Amino acid sequence: MPADPNKYPIIGADHQLPAPAPAPTHKVSRVIVWIALLLVFGAAFFLVLRHHEDTSKQASSPRHGAAGGPVAVTTATATQGNIGVYLDSIGTVTPVYTSSITSQATGPVIAVHFTEGQIVRKGDPLVDIDPRPYQATLLQAQGSLERDEAVLAQAKMDVERYRDAWSRNAIPKQTLDDQEKVVLQDEGTVRNDQGTVQLDQVQLSYCHITAPISGRVGLRLVDPGNVVQSTGTTTLAVITQLQPITVIFTIPEDNLSQVQPRLRQHAKLPVDAYDRAALKQIATGTLLTLDNQIDTTTGTVKARAQFDNKDSMLFPNEFVNARLLVNTLQNATLIPTSAVQHNGTASFVYVIQDNVAHMRSVKTSVTEGDNSAVTGVNPGDVLADSSFDRLQDKSKITVSKTPIPANPSGSNAP
């Protein structure tokens, strides 16, 4: 079947292919946007890399301050003086005497003579217990004593009569001997009655309770009308001695060689008591003694120091920081502790000479407060006391009379 010329046109000289359709405009715009983004990211990467290289160069360059000039520092001068060698420890305020008073008589409480927190003296009245049963018992014992004393007196009169009669051979010797033994029996009965009277007097005295020591009374634990027992464990009052008072603290066994020789020399070693934060000094006392054995679990030995506590600043069972002065170094080289820098286990300072900082190694022996005793520098040497984050060995410096603020990181190490 012949092909339809209208359906399949013949390409000839007079017939040409149709022109391709033009590309959509939005595709070109998308390519341009991606190229722009790549250029922006490339520029940002270049700037970051450039900043990193500049920072590395600044870190590797010598530290001479913000403008590259001399470093401004404040200075301190090494001096010669005395400094104490202290041992620091945590201690507990412990009273010398603490008395918990219980009843030794049975009966109702009829009077309480103290108030809570009162300072009492030895012998002051505290509590009264009904004494009437004990007074009656004492009266009975005194009556028995008087009766037996009268019987003894009559027996002694009979002995005198028997001796006179025996001297005249009026009675046999056996009668006199028997009467003498009766006298001895009556004397024993009288002594027994005297002991009973004294015991009843003691029992009666238990009804009037007085302070056995001087000190401060705690909270009231019994009221009038309460019945107490002689065999009971109810505490009627607690008295704690406040003046003087002691502090018990511990000393490491490695430091005993520093303390014991001074105690053998009867030296009075001062002990300072500070508050819990170790900032405020509360009182000053004297070391009394050491315990007789070392605690094997902690490797420490207990020590007791006594304080006058006239202002009652030390309170029983209070935790304090104790500082024991073991020795005093004479004519030591002293510098501010802030001038000493550390690099691992090594310590050093910057000695200023001709406006140049020279690093010098030192060895710290004792630190007390803001001062340290060191070896490696001489009294009179001028030391850098600030700007350690910018100082290096042989850095040029200028001395500033005003304090130099610390670097933002808070570190003083170079």
Protein backbone atom coordinates (compact mmCIF):
# COMPACT_ATOMS: atom_id res chain seq x y z
CA MET A 1 0.00 0.00 0.00
CA PRO A 2 1.56 3.34 -1.02
CA ALA A 3 2.54 5.66 1.81
CA ASP A 4 0.53 8.69 2.52
CA PRO A 5 2.54 11.70 1.52
CA ASN A 6 0.74 13.88 4.03
CA LYS A 7 1.60 11.56 6.92
CA TYR A 8 5.24 11.01 6.06
CA PRO A 9 6.59 14.17 4.40
CA ILE A 10 9.61 13.77 2.17
CA ILE A 11 12.58 15.90 3.12
CA GLY A 12 13.92 17.55 0.14
CA ALA A 13 15.49 20.67 -1.03
CA ASP A 14 12.40 22.61 -0.27
CA HIS A 15 11.85 21.01 3.11
CA GLN A 16 14.18 21.73 6.21
CA LEU A 17 14.30 20.38 9.78
CA PRO A 18 12.48 22.45 12.40
CA ALA A 19 14.71 24.68 14.69
CA PRO A 20 15.38 23.42 18.25
CA ALA A 21 13.28 24.93 21.04
CA PRO A 22 15.13 27.55 23.15
CA ALA A 23 16.32 26.43 26.77
CA PRO A 24 14.16 27.57 29.64
CA THR A 25 15.33 30.81 31.33
CA HIS A 26 15.01 29.49 34.96
CA LYS A 27 17.72 26.85 34.41
CA VAL A 28 20.28 29.56 33.57
CA SER A 29 19.38 31.51 36.71
CA ARG A 30 19.89 28.44 38.89
CA VAL A 31 23.42 27.89 37.53
CA ILE A 32 24.31 31.53 38.19
CA VAL A 33 23.10 31.24 41.82
CA TRP A 34 25.19 28.10 42.46
CA ILE A 35 28.30 29.77 41.02
CA ALA A 36 27.74 32.78 43.31
CA LEU A 37 27.37 30.55 46.38
CA LEU A 38 30.57 28.70 45.58
CA LEU A 39 32.42 31.99 45.26
CA VAL A 40 31.07 33.15 48.66
CA PHE A 41 32.11 29.90 50.40
CA GLY A 42 35.54 30.06 48.80
CA ALA A 43 36.07 33.63 49.98
CA ALA A 44 34.96 32.74 53.53
CA PHE A 45 37.31 29.73 53.65
CA PHE A 46 40.18 31.92 52.49
CA LEU A 47 39.49 34.51 55.22
CA VAL A 48 39.33 31.84 57.96
CA LEU A 49 42.60 30.29 56.81
CA ARG A 50 44.25 33.71 56.70
CA HIS A 51 43.08 34.50 60.28
CA HIS A 52 44.39 31.16 61.56
CA GLU A 53 47.83 31.83 60.05
CA ASP A 54 47.94 35.30 61.61
CA THR A 55 46.99 33.89 65.04
CA SER A 56 49.71 31.24 64.80
CA LYS A 57 52.29 33.86 63.93
CA GLN A 58 51.23 36.01 66.89
CA ALA A 59 51.40 33.01 69.25
CA SER A 60 54.90 32.11 68.06
CA SER A 61 56.17 35.68 68.28
CA PRO A 62 57.70 37.03 71.54
CA ARG A 63 55.21 38.51 74.02
CA HIS A 64 55.97 42.19 74.42
CA GLY A 65 52.55 43.54 75.23
CA ALA A 66 49.69 44.71 73.08
CA ALA A 67 51.73 47.17 71.02
CA GLY A 68 54.88 45.04 70.89
CA GLY A 69 56.67 47.29 73.39
CA PRO A 70 57.94 46.70 76.95
CA VAL A 71 55.70 44.87 79.40
CA ALA A 72 54.25 46.97 82.24
CA VAL A 73 54.67 45.19 85.57
CA THR A 74 54.40 45.93 89.27
CA THR A 75 57.37 44.95 91.40
CA ALA A 76 58.13 43.68 94.88
CA THR A 77 61.41 43.70 96.80
CA ALA A 78 62.80 40.65 98.59
CA THR A 79 63.37 41.31 102.30
CA GLN A 80 65.06 39.56 105.20
CA GLY A 81 63.06 38.61 108.28
CA ASN A 82 61.54 35.90 110.45
CA ILE A 83 58.77 33.55 109.38
CA GLY A 84 56.90 30.88 111.33
CA VAL A 85 56.70 27.18 110.49
CA TYR A 86 53.08 26.10 111.02
CA LEU A 87 51.19 22.82 111.00
CA ASP A 88 47.54 23.18 109.96
CA SER A 89 44.83 20.77 111.03
CA ILE A 90 41.10 20.52 111.70
CA GLY A 91 40.23 20.41 115.40
CA THR A 92 37.25 20.10 117.72
CA VAL A 93 36.60 22.30 120.73
CA THR A 94 36.49 19.96 123.74
CA PRO A 95 35.69 21.05 127.33
CA VAL A 96 38.11 20.10 130.09
CA TYR A 97 35.19 18.95 132.27
CA THR A 98 31.61 18.02 131.38
CA SER A 99 29.30 16.87 134.17
CA SER A 100 25.99 15.09 133.53
CA ILE A 101 24.11 15.22 136.83
CA THR A 102 21.72 12.41 137.77
CA SER A 103 19.74 11.81 140.93
CA GLN A 104 21.13 9.68 143.78
CA ALA A 105 17.94 10.00 145.81
CA THR A 106 14.38 8.90 145.13
CA GLY A 107 11.55 11.37 145.38
CA PRO A 108 9.74 14.27 143.74
CA VAL A 109 11.64 17.39 142.63
CA ILE A 110 10.52 20.33 144.74
CA ALA A 111 12.74 23.11 143.34
CA VAL A 112 15.00 23.94 140.37
CA HIS A 113 17.39 26.76 141.21
CA PHE A 114 19.06 27.39 137.84
CA THR A 115 17.98 28.88 134.54
CA GLU A 116 18.90 27.58 131.12
CA GLY A 117 22.30 28.79 129.95
CA GLN A 118 23.27 30.13 133.39
CA ILE A 119 26.91 30.35 134.44
CA VAL A 120 27.21 28.59 137.80
CA ARG A 121 30.06 28.25 140.26
CA LYS A 122 31.12 25.14 142.09
CA GLY A 123 28.72 24.57 145.03
CA ASP A 124 25.81 26.62 143.66
CA PRO A 125 22.38 24.97 144.29
CA LEU A 126 20.80 23.30 141.28
CA VAL A 127 17.92 20.94 142.23
CA ASP A 128 16.13 20.04 145.49
CA ILE A 129 14.40 16.68 146.05
CA ASP A 130 11.84 16.11 148.83
CA PRO A 131 14.05 15.36 151.89
CA ARG A 132 11.40 14.32 154.44
CA PRO A 133 11.75 10.51 154.12
CA TYR A 134 15.50 10.79 154.53
CA GLN A 135 15.17 13.16 157.46
CA ALA A 136 12.94 10.63 159.25
CA THR A 137 15.40 7.81 158.61
CA LEU A 138 18.23 9.97 159.93
CA LEU A 139 16.22 10.77 163.07
CA GLN A 140 15.69 7.06 163.75
CA ALA A 141 19.40 6.36 163.37
CA GLN A 142 20.28 9.23 165.71
CA GLY A 143 17.83 7.84 168.32
CA SER A 144 19.42 4.39 168.16
CA LEU A 145 22.83 5.98 168.56
CA GLU A 146 21.80 7.92 171.63
CA ARG A 147 20.27 4.81 173.24
CA ASP A 148 23.34 2.69 172.61
CA GLU A 149 25.63 5.46 173.85
CA ALA A 150 23.68 5.46 177.11
CA VAL A 151 23.98 1.64 177.37
CA LEU A 152 27.73 1.96 176.79
CA ALA A 153 28.02 4.60 179.51
CA GLN A 154 26.19 2.36 181.99
CA ALA A 155 28.44 -0.60 181.11
CA LYS A 156 31.52 1.53 181.73
CA MET A 157 30.14 2.54 185.16
CA ASP A 158 29.63 -1.12 186.02
CA VAL A 159 33.20 -1.91 185.02
CA GLU A 160 34.49 0.74 187.41
CA ARG A 161 32.39 -0.69 190.27
CA TYR A 162 33.52 -4.25 189.50
CA ARG A 163 37.14 -3.20 189.49
CA ASP A 164 36.77 -1.59 192.88
CA ALA A 165 35.00 -4.67 194.23
CA TRP A 166 37.59 -7.00 192.78
CA SER A 167 40.36 -4.97 194.37
CA ARG A 168 38.74 -5.73 197.71
CA ASN A 169 38.25 -9.40 196.74
CA ALA A 170 34.47 -8.90 196.84
CA ILE A 171 33.82 -10.49 193.44
CA PRO A 172 35.61 -13.06 191.37
CA LYS A 173 37.91 -11.98 188.50
CA GLN A 174 35.63 -13.63 185.94
CA THR A 175 32.81 -11.20 186.71
CA LEU A 176 35.10 -8.23 186.00
CA ASP A 177 36.34 -9.78 182.76
CA ASP A 178 32.81 -10.42 181.57
CA GLN A 179 31.83 -6.81 182.21
CA GLU A 180 34.83 -5.50 180.33
CA LYS A 181 33.78 -7.54 177.29
CA VAL A 182 30.26 -6.13 177.60
CA VAL A 183 31.78 -2.64 177.34
CA LEU A 184 33.62 -3.61 174.16
CA GLN A 185 30.38 -5.00 172.68
CA ASP A 186 28.54 -1.78 173.47
CA GLU A 187 31.35 0.28 171.90
CA GLY A 188 30.97 -1.74 168.69
CA THR A 189 27.22 -1.15 168.73
CA VAL A 190 27.79 2.60 169.11
CA ARG A 191 30.23 2.66 166.18
CA ASN A 192 27.69 0.81 164.04
CA ASP A 193 25.06 3.37 164.97
CA GLN A 194 27.45 6.20 164.12
CA GLY A 195 28.03 4.69 160.66
CA THR A 196 24.29 4.43 160.10
CA VAL A 197 23.83 8.07 161.09
CA GLN A 198 26.60 9.19 158.67
CA LEU A 199 25.10 7.12 155.85
CA ASP A 200 21.68 8.67 156.42
CA GLN A 201 23.27 12.13 156.48
CA VAL A 202 24.86 11.43 153.09
CA GLN A 203 21.55 10.18 151.72
CA LEU A 204 19.89 13.33 152.99
CA SER A 205 22.55 15.49 151.31
CA TYR A 206 21.66 13.90 147.95
CA CYS A 207 18.31 15.69 148.19
CA HIS A 208 20.12 19.02 147.76
CA ILE A 209 22.08 18.83 144.47
CA THR A 210 24.82 21.42 143.94
CA ALA A 211 27.13 22.19 141.02
CA PRO A 212 30.22 19.92 141.09
CA ILE A 213 32.17 22.22 138.73
CA SER A 214 32.03 25.77 137.47
CA GLY A 215 30.61 26.19 134.00
CA ARG A 216 27.57 26.78 131.87
CA VAL A 217 24.32 24.89 132.45
CA GLY A 218 22.53 23.56 129.38
CA LEU A 219 18.83 23.25 128.76
CA ARG A 220 16.62 22.28 131.72
CA LEU A 221 15.81 18.58 131.64
CA VAL A 222 13.61 18.28 134.76
CA ASP A 223 10.79 20.35 136.25
CA PRO A 224 9.36 20.66 139.78
CA GLY A 225 6.98 17.80 140.47
CA ASN A 226 8.86 15.22 138.43
CA VAL A 227 9.69 12.07 140.39
CA VAL A 228 13.27 10.89 140.03
CA GLN A 229 14.84 7.59 141.03
CA SER A 230 18.16 6.94 142.71
CA THR A 231 18.76 4.04 140.31
CA GLY A 232 17.49 5.90 137.24
CA THR A 233 19.50 7.29 134.34
CA THR A 234 17.52 10.50 133.85
CA THR A 235 19.88 13.48 133.52
CA LEU A 236 18.82 16.46 135.62
CA ALA A 237 21.33 18.97 134.22
CA VAL A 238 24.53 19.14 132.18
CA ILE A 239 27.33 21.53 133.13
CA THR A 240 30.17 22.26 130.72
CA GLN A 241 33.32 24.10 131.70
CA LEU A 242 34.07 26.92 129.26
CA GLN A 243 37.03 28.66 130.87
CA PRO A 244 39.55 27.29 130.20
CA ILE A 245 38.65 25.09 127.25
CA THR A 246 40.69 22.88 124.94
CA VAL A 247 40.91 22.04 121.25
CA ILE A 248 41.81 18.52 120.12
CA PHE A 249 43.39 18.25 116.67
CA THR A 250 45.63 15.80 114.81
CA ILE A 251 49.28 15.95 113.77
CA PRO A 252 50.69 13.76 110.98
CA GLU A 253 53.18 11.20 112.26
CA ASP A 254 55.76 12.57 109.81
CA ASN A 255 55.77 15.86 111.74
CA LEU A 256 56.26 14.37 115.20
CA SER A 257 60.00 14.90 114.90
CA GLN A 258 59.30 18.66 114.75
CA VAL A 259 56.99 18.78 117.77
CA GLN A 260 58.35 16.26 120.29
CA PRO A 261 61.80 17.85 120.77
CA ARG A 262 60.14 21.18 121.55
CA LEU A 263 57.85 19.56 124.12
CA ARG A 264 60.82 17.86 125.80
CA GLN A 265 62.38 21.31 126.13
CA HIS A 266 59.16 22.46 127.87
CA ALA A 267 58.60 25.01 125.12
CA LYS A 268 55.19 26.67 125.00
CA LEU A 269 54.12 26.16 121.41
CA PRO A 270 51.39 28.64 120.39
CA VAL A 271 48.23 27.31 118.74
CA ASP A 272 45.84 29.62 116.85
CA ALA A 273 42.20 28.68 116.34
CA TYR A 274 40.52 29.93 113.16
CA ASP A 275 36.91 29.70 112.02
CA ARG A 276 35.62 27.07 109.60
CA ALA A 277 36.71 29.14 106.57
CA ALA A 278 40.20 29.62 108.09
CA LEU A 279 39.86 33.38 107.61
CA LYS A 280 39.11 34.78 111.07
CA GLN A 281 41.30 34.06 114.09
CA ILE A 282 39.12 33.16 117.08
CA ALA A 283 41.59 32.58 119.92
CA THR A 284 45.20 31.82 120.77
CA GLY A 285 46.28 29.06 123.15
CA THR A 286 49.16 26.76 124.04
CA LEU A 287 49.86 23.14 123.18
CA LEU A 288 49.43 20.96 126.28
CA THR A 289 50.40 17.46 125.23
CA LEU A 290 50.25 14.71 122.61
CA ASP A 291 48.38 11.42 122.82
CA ASN A 292 50.32 8.28 123.77
CA GLN A 293 49.77 6.41 120.50
CA ILE A 294 49.35 6.94 116.76
CA ASP A 295 46.09 6.13 115.04
CA THR A 296 47.08 3.46 112.52
CA THR A 297 44.03 4.10 110.33
CA THR A 298 44.95 7.76 109.66
CA GLY A 299 48.65 7.91 110.50
CA THR A 300 48.08 10.82 112.89
CA VAL A 301 48.38 11.48 116.61
CA LYS A 302 45.96 13.58 118.67
CA ALA A 303 47.12 16.79 120.31
CA ARG A 304 45.40 18.94 122.94
CA ALA A 305 45.77 22.72 123.19
CA GLN A 306 44.36 24.87 125.98
CA PHE A 307 42.70 28.27 125.54
CA ASP A 308 41.68 30.76 128.23
CA ASN A 309 38.46 31.52 126.30
CA LYS A 310 37.72 34.56 128.45
CA ASP A 311 35.43 35.97 125.77
CA SER A 312 33.66 32.57 125.31
CA MET A 313 34.30 32.63 121.57
CA LEU A 314 35.09 28.91 121.53
CA PHE A 315 31.98 26.76 121.88
CA PRO A 316 32.03 23.08 122.90
CA ASN A 317 32.08 20.62 119.96
CA GLU A 318 32.76 23.46 117.50
CA PHE A 319 34.91 22.64 114.45
CA VAL A 320 37.89 24.96 114.06
CA ASN A 321 41.09 25.15 112.03
CA ALA A 322 44.10 24.83 114.32
CA ARG A 323 47.52 26.26 113.42
CA LEU A 324 50.43 25.02 115.52
CA LEU A 325 53.59 27.14 115.45
CA VAL A 326 56.38 24.57 115.47
CA ASN A 327 59.40 26.78 114.82
CA THR A 328 60.46 30.22 113.59
CA LEU A 329 63.00 30.66 110.79
CA GLN A 330 65.36 33.51 111.56
CA ASN A 331 66.78 35.89 108.92
CA ALA A 332 65.06 34.16 105.99
CA THR A 333 64.67 35.73 102.54
CA LEU A 334 61.00 36.68 102.20
CA ILE A 335 59.11 37.49 98.99
CA PRO A 336 55.42 37.78 98.18
CA THR A 337 53.88 34.41 97.44
CA SER A 338 52.24 35.90 94.33
CA ALA A 339 55.70 36.53 92.80
CA VAL A 340 56.51 32.80 92.74
CA GLN A 341 55.54 31.04 89.50
CA HIS A 342 55.38 27.32 88.90
CA ASN A 343 56.17 25.17 85.90
CA GLY A 344 55.33 21.64 86.91
CA THR A 345 57.43 20.89 89.98
CA ALA A 346 59.87 23.76 89.31
CA SER A 347 59.42 27.23 90.83
CA PHE A 348 60.87 30.45 89.47
CA VAL A 349 60.66 34.23 89.72
CA TYR A 350 61.45 37.13 87.40
CA VAL A 351 64.28 39.29 88.77
CA ILE A 352 64.28 42.82 87.37
CA GLN A 353 67.69 44.23 86.39
CA ASP A 354 68.09 47.31 84.15
CA ASN A 355 64.43 47.09 83.12
CA VAL A 356 64.89 43.51 81.93
CA ALA A 357 63.17 40.49 83.47
CA HIS A 358 65.49 37.56 84.14
CA MET A 359 63.98 34.18 84.97
CA ARG A 360 65.58 32.63 88.07
CA SER A 361 64.82 29.30 89.74
CA VAL A 362 63.92 29.40 93.45
CA LYS A 363 63.02 26.89 96.13
CA THR A 364 60.17 27.62 98.54
CA SER A 365 60.57 26.32 102.08
CA VAL A 366 57.82 27.94 104.20
CA THR A 367 54.71 29.93 103.31
CA GLU A 368 52.88 32.08 105.85
CA GLY A 369 50.04 34.29 104.74
CA ASP A 370 51.12 36.34 101.72
CA ASN A 371 54.86 35.76 102.24
CA SER A 372 57.12 32.85 101.39
CA ALA A 373 60.66 32.02 102.49
CA VAL A 374 62.76 31.11 99.44
CA THR A 375 66.32 30.38 98.43
CA GLY A 376 67.73 31.50 95.09
CA VAL A 377 67.28 35.24 95.47
CA ASN A 378 68.91 37.76 97.81
CA PRO A 379 67.36 40.39 100.04
CA GLY A 380 67.01 43.58 98.05
CA ASP A 381 66.35 41.91 94.68
CA VAL A 382 63.46 43.47 92.77
CA LEU A 383 60.95 40.94 91.46
CA ALA A 384 58.08 41.11 89.01
CA ASP A 385 54.71 40.74 90.73
CA SER A 386 52.25 40.94 87.83
CA SER A 387 51.78 40.50 84.05
CA PHE A 388 53.15 36.94 84.14
CA ASP A 389 50.99 36.02 81.12
CA ARG A 390 53.17 38.30 78.95
CA LEU A 391 56.56 37.94 80.58
CA GLN A 392 59.38 35.80 79.23
CA ASP A 393 63.04 35.49 80.08
CA LYS A 394 64.88 38.71 79.12
CA SER A 395 61.66 40.58 78.34
CA LYS A 396 61.95 44.34 78.52
CA ILE A 397 59.69 45.85 81.16
CA THR A 398 58.46 49.12 82.51
CA VAL A 399 57.60 49.50 86.19
CA SER A 400 54.00 50.48 86.84
CA LYS A 401 52.98 52.03 90.15
CA THR A 402 49.34 51.05 89.70
CA PRO A 403 48.12 47.42 89.99
CA ILE A 404 48.05 45.53 86.72
CA PRO A 405 44.69 43.76 86.13
CA ALA A 406 44.83 39.99 85.69
CA ASN A 407 44.34 38.47 82.26
CA PRO A 408 40.76 37.34 81.43
CA SER A 409 41.68 33.67 81.75
CA GLY A 410 42.70 34.24 85.35
CA SER A 411 46.04 32.50 84.88
CA ASN A 412 49.30 34.05 86.01
CA ALA A 413 51.52 31.38 84.53
CA PRO A 414 53.61 32.35 81.48
